[in-house]
C-alpha atoms as a PDB file:
ATOM      1  CA  MET A   1      33.333 -41.214 -85.437  1.00  0.00           C
ATOM      2  CA  ASP A   2      31.739 -43.270 -89.087  1.00  0.00           C
ATOM      3  CA  ILE A   3      29.231 -46.072 -88.834  1.00  0.00           C
ATOM      4  CA  ARG A   4      30.976 -49.332 -89.135  1.00  0.00           C
ATOM      5  CA  THR A   5      33.287 -48.424 -86.305  1.00  0.00           C
ATOM      6  CA  VAL A   6      29.399 -47.367 -84.138  1.00  0.00           C
ATOM      7  CA  THR A   7      27.596 -50.852 -85.234  1.00  0.00           C
ATOM      8  CA  ALA A   8      30.333 -52.363 -84.355  1.00  0.00           C
ATOM      9  CA  THR A   9      31.141 -51.116 -81.285  1.00  0.00           C
ATOM     10  CA  LEU A  10      27.337 -51.250 -80.166  1.00  0.00           C
ATOM     11  CA  ALA A  11      27.814 -55.000 -81.260  1.00  0.00           C
ATOM     12  CA  ARG A  12      31.090 -55.921 -78.670  1.00  0.00           C
ATOM     13  CA  PRO A  13      29.898 -58.620 -75.548  1.00  0.00           C
ATOM     14  CA  VAL A  14      30.860 -55.610 -73.290  1.00  0.00           C
ATOM     15  CA  ALA A  15      28.359 -52.898 -74.623  1.00  0.00           C
ATOM     16  CA  GLN A  16      25.734 -55.764 -75.394  1.00  0.00           C
ATOM     17  CA  GLU A  17      26.497 -56.565 -71.769  1.00  0.00           C
ATOM     18  CA  LEU A  18      25.195 -52.698 -70.416  1.00  0.00           C
ATOM     19  CA  LEU A  19      22.595 -52.582 -72.649  1.00  0.00           C
ATOM     20  CA  PHE A  20      20.007 -55.017 -72.331  1.00  0.00           C
ATOM     21  CA  SER A  21      21.645 -54.391 -68.410  1.00  0.00           C
ATOM     22  CA  ASP A  22      19.444 -53.350 -65.871  1.00  0.00           C
ATOM     23  CA  ILE A  23      21.222 -49.840 -66.139  1.00  0.00           C
ATOM     24  CA  PRO A  24      19.072 -47.058 -65.666  1.00  0.00           C
ATOM     25  CA  ALA A  25      21.069 -44.520 -68.657  1.00  0.00           C
ATOM     26  CA  ARG A  26      21.627 -41.268 -67.849  1.00  0.00           C
ATOM     27  CA  LEU A  27      21.080 -38.555 -70.597  1.00  0.00           C
ATOM     28  CA  SER A  28      22.658 -35.610 -71.078  1.00  0.00           C
ATOM     29  CA  TYR A  29      21.072 -32.536 -72.870  1.00  0.00           C
ATOM     30  CA  VAL A  30      21.071 -28.976 -72.572  1.00  0.00           C
ATOM     31  CA  GLY A  31      18.096 -27.418 -71.188  1.00  0.00           C
ATOM     32  CA  THR A  32      16.832 -24.642 -72.534  1.00  0.00           C
ATOM     33  CA  ASP A  33      18.197 -22.329 -70.316  1.00  0.00           C
ATOM     34  CA  GLY A  34      21.019 -23.338 -72.328  1.00  0.00           C
ATOM     35  CA  ASP A  35      22.546 -25.198 -69.033  1.00  0.00           C
ATOM     36  CA  PRO A  36      23.523 -29.016 -69.627  1.00  0.00           C
ATOM     37  CA  ARG A  37      21.645 -31.286 -67.538  1.00  0.00           C
ATOM     38  CA  VAL A  38      21.802 -35.109 -67.025  1.00  0.00           C
ATOM     39  CA  VAL A  39      18.759 -37.304 -65.782  1.00  0.00           C
ATOM     40  CA  PRO A  40      18.615 -41.513 -64.983  1.00  0.00           C
ATOM     41  CA  THR A  41      16.305 -42.635 -67.327  1.00  0.00           C
ATOM     42  CA  ALA A  42      14.923 -46.032 -68.737  1.00  0.00           C
ATOM     43  CA  PHE A  43      15.706 -46.627 -72.012  1.00  0.00           C
ATOM     44  CA  TRP A  44      15.700 -50.252 -74.831  1.00  0.00           C
ATOM     45  CA  TRP A  45      18.238 -50.841 -77.564  1.00  0.00           C
ATOM     46  CA  THR A  46      16.493 -51.177 -80.836  1.00  0.00           C
ATOM     47  CA  GLY A  47      19.159 -52.467 -82.053  1.00  0.00           C
ATOM     48  CA  ASP A  48      19.433 -49.416 -84.266  1.00  0.00           C
ATOM     49  CA  THR A  49      18.560 -46.687 -81.429  1.00  0.00           C
ATOM     50  CA  VAL A  50      17.749 -46.087 -78.820  1.00  0.00           C
ATOM     51  CA  VAL A  51      14.491 -44.993 -77.511  1.00  0.00           C
ATOM     52  CA  LEU A  52      13.185 -44.046 -74.362  1.00  0.00           C
ATOM     53  CA  ALA A  53       9.816 -42.094 -73.146  1.00  0.00           C
ATOM     54  CA  THR A  54       8.459 -39.622 -70.847  1.00  0.00           C
ATOM     55  CA  VAL A  55       5.735 -37.028 -70.231  1.00  0.00           C
ATOM     56  CA  VAL A  56       4.330 -35.201 -73.160  1.00  0.00           C
ATOM     57  CA  LYS A  57       5.035 -31.987 -71.204  1.00  0.00           C
ATOM     58  CA  SER A  58       8.680 -32.958 -69.060  1.00  0.00           C
ATOM     59  CA  ALA A  59      11.295 -29.666 -69.689  1.00  0.00           C
ATOM     60  CA  LYS A  60      12.969 -32.281 -71.440  1.00  0.00           C
ATOM     61  CA  VAL A  61      10.868 -32.898 -74.935  1.00  0.00           C
ATOM     62  CA  SER A  62      10.623 -28.789 -75.592  1.00  0.00           C
ATOM     63  CA  ALA A  63      14.924 -29.134 -74.781  1.00  0.00           C
ATOM     64  CA  ILE A  64      15.618 -31.965 -76.745  1.00  0.00           C
ATOM     65  CA  ARG A  65      13.801 -30.387 -79.723  1.00  0.00           C
ATOM     66  CA  ARG A  66      15.543 -27.405 -79.431  1.00  0.00           C
ATOM     67  CA  HIS A  67      18.732 -28.800 -79.214  1.00  0.00           C
ATOM     68  CA  PRO A  68      18.943 -32.296 -80.756  1.00  0.00           C
ATOM     69  CA  ARG A  69      22.535 -33.685 -79.601  1.00  0.00           C
ATOM     70  CA  VAL A  70      22.569 -35.341 -76.436  1.00  0.00           C
ATOM     71  CA  ALA A  71      24.199 -38.299 -74.778  1.00  0.00           C
ATOM     72  CA  LEU A  72      23.783 -40.916 -72.841  1.00  0.00           C
ATOM     73  CA  CYS A  73      25.911 -42.725 -70.466  1.00  0.00           C
ATOM     74  CA  VAL A  74      25.256 -46.540 -69.145  1.00  0.00           C
ATOM     75  CA  ASP A  75      27.998 -47.717 -66.830  1.00  0.00           C
ATOM     76  CA  ARG A  76      28.552 -50.417 -63.295  1.00  0.00           C
ATOM     77  CA  PRO A  77      30.814 -49.151 -61.365  1.00  0.00           C
ATOM     78  CA  GLY A  78      34.008 -52.083 -60.654  1.00  0.00           C
ATOM     79  CA  LEU A  79      32.206 -52.849 -57.055  1.00  0.00           C
ATOM     80  CA  ALA A  80      29.134 -53.651 -58.447  1.00  0.00           C
ATOM     81  CA  SER A  81      30.280 -55.608 -61.598  1.00  0.00           C
ATOM     82  CA  ALA A  82      30.826 -59.024 -61.531  1.00  0.00           C
ATOM     83  CA  SER A  83      34.203 -59.026 -63.068  1.00  0.00           C
ATOM     84  CA  GLY A  84      35.188 -56.187 -60.745  1.00  0.00           C
ATOM     85  CA  ILE A  85      35.836 -53.873 -63.322  1.00  0.00           C
ATOM     86  CA  PRO A  86      34.257 -50.167 -64.443  1.00  0.00           C
ATOM     87  CA  ARG A  87      33.100 -50.928 -67.748  1.00  0.00           C
ATOM     88  CA  SER A  88      31.071 -47.569 -69.499  1.00  0.00           C
ATOM     89  CA  LEU A  89      30.096 -47.252 -72.731  1.00  0.00           C
ATOM     90  CA  LEU A  90      28.838 -43.875 -73.971  1.00  0.00           C
ATOM     91  CA  ILE A  91      26.499 -42.717 -76.578  1.00  0.00           C
ATOM     92  CA  ARG A  92      26.229 -39.341 -77.976  1.00  0.00           C
ATOM     93  CA  GLY A  93      23.529 -38.474 -80.969  1.00  0.00           C
ATOM     94  CA  SER A  94      20.695 -37.205 -82.377  1.00  0.00           C
ATOM     95  CA  ALA A  95      17.237 -36.813 -81.468  1.00  0.00           C
ATOM     96  CA  THR A  96      13.977 -37.076 -82.478  1.00  0.00           C
ATOM     97  CA  VAL A  97      10.296 -36.351 -79.808  1.00  0.00           C
ATOM     98  CA  GLU A  98       7.389 -37.803 -81.418  1.00  0.00           C
ATOM     99  CA  ILE A  99       3.830 -37.683 -79.802  1.00  0.00           C
ATOM    100  CA  VAL A 100       2.236 -41.340 -79.500  1.00  0.00           C
ATOM    101  CA  ASP A 101      -1.379 -42.452 -78.474  1.00  0.00           C
ATOM    102  CA  GLY A 102      -0.793 -44.409 -74.699  1.00  0.00           C
ATOM    103  CA  VAL A 103       2.245 -46.315 -73.643  1.00  0.00           C
ATOM    104  CA  PRO A 104       4.291 -46.742 -76.042  1.00  0.00           C
ATOM    105  CA  GLU A 105       6.047 -50.836 -75.739  1.00  0.00           C
ATOM    106  CA  GLU A 106       9.930 -49.718 -75.929  1.00  0.00           C
ATOM    107  CA  TYR A 107       9.292 -47.656 -72.714  1.00  0.00           C
ATOM    108  CA  VAL A 108       7.304 -50.802 -71.372  1.00  0.00           C
ATOM    109  CA  ALA A 109      10.683 -53.016 -72.535  1.00  0.00           C
ATOM    110  CA  GLY A 110      12.926 -50.398 -70.605  1.00  0.00           C
ATOM    111  CA  SER A 111      11.107 -49.889 -67.670  1.00  0.00           C
ATOM    112  CA  ARG A 112      11.079 -53.910 -67.303  1.00  0.00           C
ATOM    113  CA  LYS A 113      14.937 -53.768 -66.829  1.00  0.00           C
ATOM    114  CA  ILE A 114      15.017 -52.018 -63.711  1.00  0.00           C
ATOM    115  CA  THR A 115      11.547 -53.100 -61.774  1.00  0.00           C
ATOM    116  CA  PRO A 116      11.317 -55.642 -60.004  1.00  0.00           C
ATOM    117  CA  ALA A 117       9.068 -58.722 -61.328  1.00  0.00           C
ATOM    118  CA  GLU A 118       6.859 -58.882 -59.397  1.00  0.00           C
ATOM    119  CA  ALA A 119       6.070 -55.099 -59.322  1.00  0.00           C
ATOM    120  CA  MET A 120       5.777 -54.677 -62.605  1.00  0.00           C
ATOM    121  CA  PRO A 121       2.047 -55.851 -63.743  1.00  0.00           C
ATOM    122  CA  ALA A 122       0.828 -53.006 -60.985  1.00  0.00           C
ATOM    123  CA  TRP A 123       3.257 -50.862 -62.559  1.00  0.00           C
ATOM    124  CA  GLU A 124       2.920 -51.214 -66.010  1.00  0.00           C
ATOM    125  CA  GLU A 125      -1.046 -51.039 -64.611  1.00  0.00           C
ATOM    126  CA  GLY A 126      -0.989 -47.821 -63.559  1.00  0.00           C
ATOM    127  CA  VAL A 127       1.640 -46.116 -65.999  1.00  0.00           C
ATOM    128  CA  ARG A 128      -1.249 -47.524 -69.060  1.00  0.00           C
ATOM    129  CA  ALA A 129      -4.106 -45.559 -67.031  1.00  0.00           C
ATOM    130  CA  LEU A 130      -2.129 -42.643 -66.470  1.00  0.00           C
ATOM    131  CA  TYR A 131      -0.589 -41.502 -70.103  1.00  0.00           C
ATOM    132  CA  PRO A 132      -3.180 -40.987 -72.587  1.00  0.00           C
ATOM    133  CA  GLN A 133      -0.298 -39.530 -74.285  1.00  0.00           C
ATOM    134  CA  MET A 134       3.561 -39.596 -74.772  1.00  0.00           C
ATOM    135  CA  ALA A 135       7.089 -38.610 -75.440  1.00  0.00           C
ATOM    136  CA  VAL A 136       9.116 -41.295 -77.359  1.00  0.00           C
ATOM    137  CA  ILE A 137      12.619 -39.355 -77.515  1.00  0.00           C
ATOM    138  CA  THR A 138      14.455 -42.020 -80.435  1.00  0.00           C
ATOM    139  CA  VAL A 139      18.383 -41.513 -80.396  1.00  0.00           C
ATOM    140  CA  THR A 140      20.518 -42.306 -82.786  1.00  0.00           C
ATOM    141  CA  PRO A 141      24.198 -42.701 -82.017  1.00  0.00           C
ATOM    142  CA  ASP A 142      26.607 -41.377 -84.478  1.00  0.00           C
ATOM    143  CA  HIS A 143      29.616 -41.970 -81.869  1.00  0.00           C
ATOM    144  CA  VAL A 144      30.034 -44.859 -79.299  1.00  0.00           C
ATOM    145  CA  VAL A 145      33.138 -45.507 -76.766  1.00  0.00           C
ATOM    146  CA  LEU A 146      33.065 -48.394 -75.535  1.00  0.00           C
ATOM    147  CA  HIS A 147      35.456 -48.680 -71.554  1.00  0.00           C
ATOM    148  CA  ASP A 148      35.801 -51.972 -70.417  1.00  0.00           C
ATOM    149  CA  PHE A 149      39.546 -51.875 -69.090  1.00  0.00           C
ATOM    150  CA  GLY A 150      40.646 -54.631 -70.068  1.00  0.00           C
ATOM    151  CA  THR A 151      41.151 -54.676 -74.086  1.00  0.00           C
ATOM    152  CA  THR A 152      39.554 -50.273 -74.082  1.00  0.00           C
ATOM    153  CA  ILE A 153      40.690 -47.605 -71.201  1.00  0.00           C
ATOM    154  CA  PRO A 154      39.978 -43.758 -71.190  1.00  0.00           C
ATOM    155  CA  LYS A 155      42.878 -42.350 -74.098  1.00  0.00           C
ATOM    156  CA  ALA A 156      44.204 -39.994 -71.194  1.00  0.00           C
ATOM    157  CA  VAL A 157      44.955 -43.342 -69.145  1.00  0.00           C
ATOM    158  CA  ALA A 158      46.333 -44.726 -72.405  1.00  0.00           C
ATOM    159  CA  ASP A 159      48.099 -41.969 -73.301  1.00  0.00           C
ATOM    160  CA  LEU A 160      50.183 -42.073 -69.955  1.00  0.00           C
ATOM    161  CA  VAL A 161      50.515 -45.912 -69.372  1.00  0.00           C
ATOM    162  CA  ALA A 162      52.762 -45.209 -73.095  1.00  0.00           C
ATOM    163  CA  ALA A 163      54.608 -42.327 -71.079  1.00  0.00           C
ATOM    164  CA  HIS A 164      55.390 -44.184 -68.235  1.00  0.00           C
ATOM    165  CA  GLY A 165      54.924 -47.803 -68.461  1.00  0.00           C
ATOM    166  CA  ASP A 166      51.935 -50.261 -67.108  1.00  0.00           C
ATOM    167  CA  PRO A 167      52.425 -50.146 -63.106  1.00  0.00           C
ATOM    168  CA  ARG A 168      51.139 -54.093 -63.454  1.00  0.00           C
END
């Protein structure tokens, strides 16, 4: 997928809504044993990359260093969305891992989206006391698919509608 399409898709209002929502992403990667893994995680969208952080000795750190291709999903089921329509943002890209001192601000910002405001001061104090270092995983998107089920739907569904007509 070309970078202009990636950038345009990520700039769409529904994509922005999902990227800045209170929904954790699900990160998919290949474990060191070769089996797939999917884990929920807080994340921060910088406008160019997805940033998440974890324990330096986390299994995903060594796995992503070995196999840097990852996928992320941020979605809201139809029943949980204001419109009643499911929405999903699917991102694929290459990840890098960097060990940093302390707690990166992107980790705090991403966690703030999913932590109740009243719990955030204690959470942040605890995290800053716990982590002398963190592993920062940065994902650079190179393939993005947005399904808002209004202007975009999965290709297989679109093909079915084209072949059989819209049942509405």
